[in-house]
Amino acid sequence: MQHVDVREMPFEPWQYLADWQAQQLPENARSGATAVFVGTMRDFNEGDDVTGMYLEHYPGMTERQLATLVAEASQRWSLDAALVVHRVGEILPTQPIVLVAVWSAHRAAAFEACRHLMETLKHTAPFWKRETLSNGTVRWVDRNTLG
């Protein structure tokens, strides 16, 4: 079971995760491990205070790229399920931007797959960030951060 959701509306990651898990995972799921990553917007970047961000994407292309990443990770680690939710549009500090969750028979696979999905998404998915700084300046983010 794999699911990708690119959305403009804010979401509560833990509620989204609980709802998706209750609706999509079979009651007899045998997963022994679930690994989850939630990324939120920081109020700083490159030494500056940031008051907001606009995250652009190519509809259709972005979803396909994320689905490909999820499918590759699911095969590589024999995942039982994988979920990626990513915000686009206007985002404010402390709001969740991304939720990555994976289910696997073993914790090592779950941890590795979750980290791989997040890092690969961060560096290859077609998203563009425009930040608004506290002084009113607007700038495009040239690169994604590592780690």
N, C-alpha and C. Protein backbone atom coordinates (compact mmCIF):
# COMPACT_ATOMS: atom_id res chain seq x y z
N MET A 1 0.86 -1.17 0.00
CA MET A 1 0.00 0.00 0.00
C MET A 1 0.91 1.24 0.00
N GLN A 2 0.71 2.12 -0.98
CA GLN A 2 1.50 3.33 -1.10
C GLN A 2 0.55 4.51 -1.33
N HIS A 3 0.89 5.64 -0.72
CA HIS A 3 0.03 6.81 -0.87
C HIS A 3 0.87 8.08 -0.88
N VAL A 4 0.58 8.98 -1.83
CA VAL A 4 1.22 10.29 -1.93
C VAL A 4 0.11 11.33 -1.96
N ASP A 5 0.26 12.39 -1.16
CA ASP A 5 -0.72 13.47 -1.10
C ASP A 5 0.03 14.80 -1.09
N VAL A 6 -0.07 15.56 -2.19
CA VAL A 6 0.49 16.91 -2.26
C VAL A 6 -0.70 17.85 -2.10
N ARG A 7 -0.63 18.73 -1.09
CA ARG A 7 -1.82 19.49 -0.69
C ARG A 7 -1.49 20.93 -0.31
N GLU A 8 -2.44 21.81 -0.57
CA GLU A 8 -2.28 23.22 -0.18
C GLU A 8 -2.76 23.48 1.24
N MET A 9 -3.70 22.72 1.70
CA MET A 9 -4.28 22.97 3.02
C MET A 9 -3.39 22.42 4.13
N PRO A 10 -3.30 23.16 5.25
CA PRO A 10 -2.55 22.66 6.41
C PRO A 10 -3.13 21.31 6.87
N PHE A 11 -2.30 20.53 7.51
CA PHE A 11 -2.76 19.25 8.04
C PHE A 11 -2.10 19.00 9.39
N GLU A 12 -2.75 18.19 10.19
CA GLU A 12 -2.20 17.78 11.48
C GLU A 12 -1.61 16.38 11.25
N PRO A 13 -0.29 16.26 11.24
CA PRO A 13 0.33 15.00 10.81
C PRO A 13 -0.08 13.77 11.61
N TRP A 14 -0.21 13.90 12.91
CA TRP A 14 -0.51 12.73 13.73
C TRP A 14 -1.95 12.27 13.50
N GLN A 15 -2.86 13.21 13.29
CA GLN A 15 -4.24 12.84 12.99
C GLN A 15 -4.34 12.24 11.60
N TYR A 16 -3.62 12.83 10.63
CA TYR A 16 -3.59 12.31 9.27
C TYR A 16 -3.07 10.87 9.29
N LEU A 17 -1.98 10.66 10.01
CA LEU A 17 -1.37 9.34 10.10
C LEU A 17 -2.34 8.34 10.72
N ALA A 18 -2.98 8.70 11.82
CA ALA A 18 -3.92 7.79 12.49
C ALA A 18 -5.10 7.47 11.59
N ASP A 19 -5.65 8.48 10.92
CA ASP A 19 -6.79 8.26 10.03
C ASP A 19 -6.41 7.36 8.87
N TRP A 20 -5.26 7.66 8.24
CA TRP A 20 -4.83 6.86 7.08
C TRP A 20 -4.57 5.42 7.49
N GLN A 21 -3.89 5.26 8.60
CA GLN A 21 -3.58 3.91 9.08
C GLN A 21 -4.85 3.13 9.37
N ALA A 22 -5.84 3.77 10.00
CA ALA A 22 -7.10 3.08 10.34
C ALA A 22 -7.89 2.71 9.08
N GLN A 23 -7.83 3.54 8.06
CA GLN A 23 -8.61 3.31 6.85
C GLN A 23 -7.91 2.44 5.83
N GLN A 24 -6.59 2.47 5.78
CA GLN A 24 -5.87 1.84 4.68
C GLN A 24 -5.13 0.56 5.04
N LEU A 25 -4.64 0.45 6.26
CA LEU A 25 -3.89 -0.75 6.61
C LEU A 25 -4.86 -1.85 7.04
N PRO A 26 -4.66 -3.05 6.53
CA PRO A 26 -5.55 -4.14 6.93
C PRO A 26 -5.40 -4.45 8.42
N GLU A 27 -6.49 -4.91 9.02
CA GLU A 27 -6.45 -5.22 10.45
C GLU A 27 -5.43 -6.29 10.78
N ASN A 28 -5.15 -7.16 9.82
CA ASN A 28 -4.20 -8.23 10.07
C ASN A 28 -2.79 -7.88 9.59
N ALA A 29 -2.51 -6.57 9.42
CA ALA A 29 -1.17 -6.15 8.98
C ALA A 29 -0.13 -6.70 9.95
N ARG A 30 0.93 -7.24 9.39
CA ARG A 30 1.94 -7.90 10.21
C ARG A 30 3.19 -7.05 10.39
N SER A 31 3.12 -5.78 10.11
CA SER A 31 4.28 -4.91 10.25
C SER A 31 4.75 -4.90 11.70
N GLY A 32 6.05 -5.04 11.88
CA GLY A 32 6.62 -4.99 13.21
C GLY A 32 7.17 -3.62 13.56
N ALA A 33 7.24 -2.73 12.55
CA ALA A 33 7.83 -1.42 12.79
C ALA A 33 7.17 -0.36 11.93
N THR A 34 7.04 0.81 12.50
CA THR A 34 6.59 1.99 11.78
C THR A 34 7.58 3.10 12.08
N ALA A 35 8.11 3.74 11.04
CA ALA A 35 9.00 4.89 11.22
C ALA A 35 8.32 6.11 10.62
N VAL A 36 8.38 7.22 11.34
CA VAL A 36 7.68 8.44 10.93
C VAL A 36 8.62 9.63 11.03
N PHE A 37 8.55 10.50 10.02
CA PHE A 37 9.26 11.77 10.06
C PHE A 37 8.25 12.88 9.75
N VAL A 38 8.28 13.93 10.56
CA VAL A 38 7.45 15.11 10.32
C VAL A 38 8.39 16.30 10.23
N GLY A 39 8.34 17.02 9.11
CA GLY A 39 9.14 18.23 8.94
C GLY A 39 8.25 19.46 9.05
N THR A 40 8.70 20.45 9.81
CA THR A 40 7.94 21.68 9.98
C THR A 40 8.75 22.87 9.47
N MET A 41 8.06 23.94 9.18
CA MET A 41 8.74 25.14 8.70
C MET A 41 9.44 25.84 9.85
N ARG A 42 10.71 26.15 9.63
CA ARG A 42 11.50 26.92 10.62
C ARG A 42 11.24 28.41 10.43
N ASP A 43 11.50 29.17 11.48
CA ASP A 43 11.37 30.63 11.39
C ASP A 43 12.73 31.29 11.15
N PHE A 44 13.69 30.52 10.65
CA PHE A 44 15.01 31.06 10.32
C PHE A 44 15.60 30.23 9.18
N ASN A 45 16.48 30.86 8.41
CA ASN A 45 17.22 30.17 7.36
C ASN A 45 18.39 31.06 6.96
N GLU A 46 19.55 30.46 6.80
CA GLU A 46 20.75 31.16 6.37
C GLU A 46 21.02 32.42 7.20
N GLY A 47 20.76 32.32 8.51
CA GLY A 47 21.04 33.41 9.42
C GLY A 47 19.98 34.51 9.48
N ASP A 48 18.88 34.34 8.76
CA ASP A 48 17.83 35.36 8.73
C ASP A 48 16.54 34.83 9.35
N ASP A 49 15.76 35.76 9.93
CA ASP A 49 14.43 35.41 10.43
C ASP A 49 13.47 35.31 9.25
N VAL A 50 12.70 34.24 9.20
CA VAL A 50 11.77 33.98 8.10
C VAL A 50 10.35 34.01 8.67
N THR A 51 9.47 34.79 8.03
CA THR A 51 8.09 34.91 8.50
C THR A 51 7.10 34.07 7.70
N GLY A 52 7.52 33.57 6.54
CA GLY A 52 6.63 32.75 5.73
C GLY A 52 7.37 32.19 4.54
N MET A 53 6.71 31.23 3.88
CA MET A 53 7.30 30.60 2.72
C MET A 53 6.19 30.25 1.75
N TYR A 54 6.51 30.35 0.47
CA TYR A 54 5.60 29.87 -0.57
C TYR A 54 6.32 28.73 -1.27
N LEU A 55 5.71 27.57 -1.30
CA LEU A 55 6.32 26.39 -1.90
C LEU A 55 5.59 26.08 -3.19
N GLU A 56 6.32 26.20 -4.31
CA GLU A 56 5.76 25.93 -5.63
C GLU A 56 6.10 24.52 -6.07
N HIS A 57 5.27 23.99 -6.98
CA HIS A 57 5.51 22.67 -7.56
C HIS A 57 4.85 22.60 -8.92
N TYR A 58 5.17 21.55 -9.68
CA TYR A 58 4.49 21.27 -10.93
C TYR A 58 3.45 20.20 -10.65
N PRO A 59 2.16 20.56 -10.62
CA PRO A 59 1.12 19.54 -10.38
C PRO A 59 1.25 18.40 -11.39
N GLY A 60 1.07 17.22 -10.92
CA GLY A 60 1.21 16.04 -11.76
C GLY A 60 2.64 15.53 -11.75
N MET A 61 3.58 16.36 -12.13
CA MET A 61 4.99 15.96 -12.15
C MET A 61 5.48 15.65 -10.73
N THR A 62 5.14 16.51 -9.80
CA THR A 62 5.60 16.33 -8.42
C THR A 62 5.02 15.04 -7.84
N GLU A 63 3.73 14.81 -8.02
CA GLU A 63 3.11 13.61 -7.50
C GLU A 63 3.73 12.35 -8.12
N ARG A 64 3.98 12.39 -9.43
CA ARG A 64 4.60 11.24 -10.09
C ARG A 64 6.00 10.97 -9.54
N GLN A 65 6.77 12.04 -9.35
CA GLN A 65 8.13 11.88 -8.80
C GLN A 65 8.08 11.28 -7.40
N LEU A 66 7.19 11.78 -6.56
CA LEU A 66 7.08 11.25 -5.21
C LEU A 66 6.62 9.79 -5.23
N ALA A 67 5.66 9.47 -6.09
CA ALA A 67 5.17 8.09 -6.20
C ALA A 67 6.30 7.15 -6.65
N THR A 68 7.15 7.62 -7.55
CA THR A 68 8.29 6.81 -8.00
C THR A 68 9.25 6.57 -6.84
N LEU A 69 9.54 7.61 -6.06
CA LEU A 69 10.43 7.45 -4.90
C LEU A 69 9.87 6.45 -3.90
N VAL A 70 8.56 6.53 -3.66
CA VAL A 70 7.91 5.62 -2.71
C VAL A 70 7.96 4.19 -3.24
N ALA A 71 7.69 4.01 -4.52
CA ALA A 71 7.72 2.67 -5.11
C ALA A 71 9.11 2.06 -5.04
N GLU A 72 10.13 2.86 -5.34
CA GLU A 72 11.51 2.37 -5.28
C GLU A 72 11.89 1.97 -3.85
N ALA A 73 11.54 2.80 -2.88
CA ALA A 73 11.85 2.49 -1.48
C ALA A 73 11.08 1.26 -1.02
N SER A 74 9.83 1.13 -1.46
CA SER A 74 9.01 -0.02 -1.07
C SER A 74 9.62 -1.33 -1.55
N GLN A 75 10.19 -1.32 -2.74
CA GLN A 75 10.84 -2.52 -3.26
C GLN A 75 12.19 -2.76 -2.57
N ARG A 76 12.96 -1.71 -2.44
CA ARG A 76 14.31 -1.86 -1.87
C ARG A 76 14.28 -2.41 -0.45
N TRP A 77 13.30 -1.97 0.37
CA TRP A 77 13.23 -2.38 1.77
C TRP A 77 12.05 -3.31 2.06
N SER A 78 11.37 -3.80 1.06
CA SER A 78 10.21 -4.69 1.26
C SER A 78 9.23 -4.10 2.25
N LEU A 79 8.81 -2.86 2.01
CA LEU A 79 7.90 -2.18 2.91
C LEU A 79 6.48 -2.73 2.77
N ASP A 80 5.76 -2.77 3.87
CA ASP A 80 4.36 -3.16 3.85
C ASP A 80 3.49 -2.00 3.38
N ALA A 81 3.89 -0.78 3.72
CA ALA A 81 3.15 0.42 3.31
C ALA A 81 4.06 1.63 3.42
N ALA A 82 3.72 2.68 2.67
CA ALA A 82 4.48 3.94 2.73
C ALA A 82 3.53 5.08 2.43
N LEU A 83 3.73 6.18 3.12
CA LEU A 83 2.88 7.35 3.01
C LEU A 83 3.76 8.60 2.95
N VAL A 84 3.49 9.49 1.98
CA VAL A 84 4.17 10.78 1.90
C VAL A 84 3.09 11.84 1.71
N VAL A 85 3.08 12.82 2.60
CA VAL A 85 2.18 13.97 2.51
C VAL A 85 3.08 15.20 2.47
N HIS A 86 2.84 16.10 1.50
CA HIS A 86 3.70 17.28 1.37
C HIS A 86 2.83 18.50 1.07
N ARG A 87 3.09 19.57 1.81
CA ARG A 87 2.41 20.84 1.60
C ARG A 87 3.01 21.59 0.43
N VAL A 88 2.17 22.42 -0.21
CA VAL A 88 2.58 23.41 -1.19
C VAL A 88 1.81 24.69 -0.88
N GLY A 89 2.15 25.78 -1.54
CA GLY A 89 1.47 27.05 -1.31
C GLY A 89 2.06 27.79 -0.13
N GLU A 90 1.23 28.64 0.49
CA GLU A 90 1.67 29.46 1.64
C GLU A 90 1.81 28.60 2.89
N ILE A 91 2.98 28.72 3.52
CA ILE A 91 3.27 27.96 4.73
C ILE A 91 3.88 28.92 5.75
N LEU A 92 3.45 28.78 6.99
CA LEU A 92 3.93 29.65 8.08
C LEU A 92 4.83 28.86 9.02
N PRO A 93 5.72 29.56 9.74
CA PRO A 93 6.57 28.87 10.71
C PRO A 93 5.75 28.00 11.66
N THR A 94 6.29 26.89 12.00
CA THR A 94 5.75 25.83 12.87
C THR A 94 4.72 24.94 12.17
N GLN A 95 4.25 25.30 10.98
CA GLN A 95 3.31 24.43 10.29
C GLN A 95 4.03 23.23 9.69
N PRO A 96 3.41 22.06 9.77
CA PRO A 96 4.00 20.88 9.13
C PRO A 96 4.08 21.07 7.61
N ILE A 97 5.21 20.67 7.05
CA ILE A 97 5.41 20.71 5.60
C ILE A 97 5.33 19.30 5.03
N VAL A 98 5.93 18.34 5.72
CA VAL A 98 6.02 17.00 5.16
C VAL A 98 5.83 15.94 6.24
N LEU A 99 5.16 14.87 5.84
CA LEU A 99 5.00 13.68 6.67
C LEU A 99 5.44 12.49 5.83
N VAL A 100 6.38 11.72 6.34
CA VAL A 100 6.81 10.48 5.70
C VAL A 100 6.64 9.38 6.73
N ALA A 101 5.94 8.32 6.35
CA ALA A 101 5.74 7.17 7.25
C ALA A 101 5.91 5.88 6.46
N VAL A 102 6.56 4.92 7.06
CA VAL A 102 6.74 3.62 6.43
C VAL A 102 6.46 2.51 7.45
N TRP A 103 5.93 1.42 6.94
CA TRP A 103 5.65 0.24 7.74
C TRP A 103 6.45 -0.92 7.16
N SER A 104 7.11 -1.68 8.05
CA SER A 104 7.94 -2.79 7.61
C SER A 104 7.93 -3.88 8.67
N ALA A 105 8.41 -5.03 8.29
CA ALA A 105 8.49 -6.14 9.24
C ALA A 105 9.52 -5.86 10.34
N HIS A 106 10.56 -5.11 10.00
CA HIS A 106 11.66 -4.90 10.95
C HIS A 106 12.03 -3.42 11.05
N ARG A 107 12.52 -3.01 12.23
CA ARG A 107 12.82 -1.61 12.49
C ARG A 107 13.94 -1.07 11.62
N ALA A 108 14.97 -1.86 11.35
CA ALA A 108 16.09 -1.35 10.54
C ALA A 108 15.59 -0.92 9.17
N ALA A 109 14.79 -1.73 8.55
CA ALA A 109 14.24 -1.38 7.23
C ALA A 109 13.36 -0.14 7.33
N ALA A 110 12.55 -0.06 8.37
CA ALA A 110 11.66 1.10 8.53
C ALA A 110 12.47 2.39 8.71
N PHE A 111 13.46 2.36 9.59
CA PHE A 111 14.29 3.55 9.80
C PHE A 111 15.02 3.96 8.52
N GLU A 112 15.66 2.98 7.87
CA GLU A 112 16.44 3.28 6.67
C GLU A 112 15.55 3.80 5.55
N ALA A 113 14.43 3.17 5.34
CA ALA A 113 13.53 3.58 4.25
C ALA A 113 12.95 4.98 4.51
N CYS A 114 12.58 5.25 5.74
CA CYS A 114 12.03 6.57 6.08
C CYS A 114 13.07 7.66 5.83
N ARG A 115 14.27 7.45 6.31
CA ARG A 115 15.33 8.44 6.11
C ARG A 115 15.66 8.60 4.62
N HIS A 116 15.76 7.50 3.92
CA HIS A 116 16.04 7.55 2.48
C HIS A 116 14.94 8.32 1.74
N LEU A 117 13.70 8.03 2.04
CA LEU A 117 12.60 8.75 1.37
C LEU A 117 12.68 10.25 1.63
N MET A 118 12.92 10.61 2.88
CA MET A 118 12.97 12.04 3.21
C MET A 118 14.14 12.72 2.53
N GLU A 119 15.32 12.13 2.60
CA GLU A 119 16.50 12.75 1.99
C GLU A 119 16.38 12.81 0.47
N THR A 120 15.89 11.76 -0.14
CA THR A 120 15.74 11.75 -1.60
C THR A 120 14.68 12.74 -2.04
N LEU A 121 13.59 12.78 -1.32
CA LEU A 121 12.53 13.77 -1.61
C LEU A 121 13.09 15.18 -1.52
N LYS A 122 13.81 15.45 -0.47
CA LYS A 122 14.36 16.79 -0.21
C LYS A 122 15.26 17.27 -1.35
N HIS A 123 15.99 16.34 -1.96
CA HIS A 123 16.98 16.73 -2.95
C HIS A 123 16.57 16.49 -4.40
N THR A 124 15.47 15.76 -4.64
CA THR A 124 15.12 15.46 -6.02
C THR A 124 13.69 15.85 -6.42
N ALA A 125 12.80 16.01 -5.46
CA ALA A 125 11.41 16.33 -5.82
C ALA A 125 11.33 17.77 -6.34
N PRO A 126 10.49 18.00 -7.35
CA PRO A 126 10.40 19.34 -7.95
C PRO A 126 9.55 20.30 -7.12
N PHE A 127 10.19 20.90 -6.11
CA PHE A 127 9.61 21.95 -5.28
C PHE A 127 10.55 23.15 -5.33
N TRP A 128 9.96 24.36 -5.29
CA TRP A 128 10.74 25.60 -5.27
C TRP A 128 10.23 26.45 -4.12
N LYS A 129 11.18 26.94 -3.28
CA LYS A 129 10.84 27.69 -2.08
C LYS A 129 11.13 29.18 -2.25
N ARG A 130 10.13 29.99 -1.90
CA ARG A 130 10.29 31.43 -1.86
C ARG A 130 10.00 31.88 -0.43
N GLU A 131 11.01 32.44 0.21
CA GLU A 131 10.88 32.86 1.61
C GLU A 131 10.59 34.35 1.72
N THR A 132 9.83 34.71 2.75
CA THR A 132 9.64 36.11 3.13
C THR A 132 10.36 36.31 4.45
N LEU A 133 11.29 37.26 4.45
CA LEU A 133 12.09 37.53 5.65
C LEU A 133 11.39 38.56 6.52
N SER A 134 11.84 38.66 7.76
CA SER A 134 11.21 39.58 8.72
C SER A 134 11.32 41.04 8.29
N ASN A 135 12.30 41.38 7.45
CA ASN A 135 12.44 42.76 6.97
C ASN A 135 11.61 43.02 5.71
N GLY A 136 10.83 42.02 5.28
CA GLY A 136 9.98 42.18 4.10
C GLY A 136 10.59 41.70 2.80
N THR A 137 11.89 41.41 2.81
CA THR A 137 12.56 40.91 1.62
C THR A 137 12.03 39.53 1.25
N VAL A 138 11.88 39.31 -0.06
CA VAL A 138 11.46 38.00 -0.56
C VAL A 138 12.63 37.42 -1.35
N ARG A 139 12.93 36.14 -1.11
CA ARG A 139 14.03 35.51 -1.84
C ARG A 139 13.69 34.05 -2.14
N TRP A 140 14.26 33.59 -3.25
CA TRP A 140 14.15 32.17 -3.61
C TRP A 140 15.28 31.44 -2.92
N VAL A 141 15.01 30.24 -2.43
CA VAL A 141 16.03 29.42 -1.80
C VAL A 141 16.77 28.69 -2.92
N ASP A 142 18.08 28.90 -2.99
CA ASP A 142 18.90 28.34 -4.07
C ASP A 142 19.13 26.85 -3.93
N ARG A 143 19.17 26.38 -2.71
CA ARG A 143 19.48 24.96 -2.50
C ARG A 143 18.74 24.45 -1.28
N ASN A 144 18.55 23.15 -1.26
CA ASN A 144 17.97 22.51 -0.09
C ASN A 144 19.09 22.19 0.89
N THR A 145 18.74 22.11 2.14
CA THR A 145 19.74 21.84 3.17
C THR A 145 19.95 20.36 3.33
N LEU A 146 21.14 19.98 3.77
CA LEU A 146 21.44 18.59 4.06
C LEU A 146 21.18 18.33 5.54
N GLY A 147 20.87 17.06 5.84
CA GLY A 147 20.76 16.64 7.24
C GLY A 147 19.45 16.89 7.88
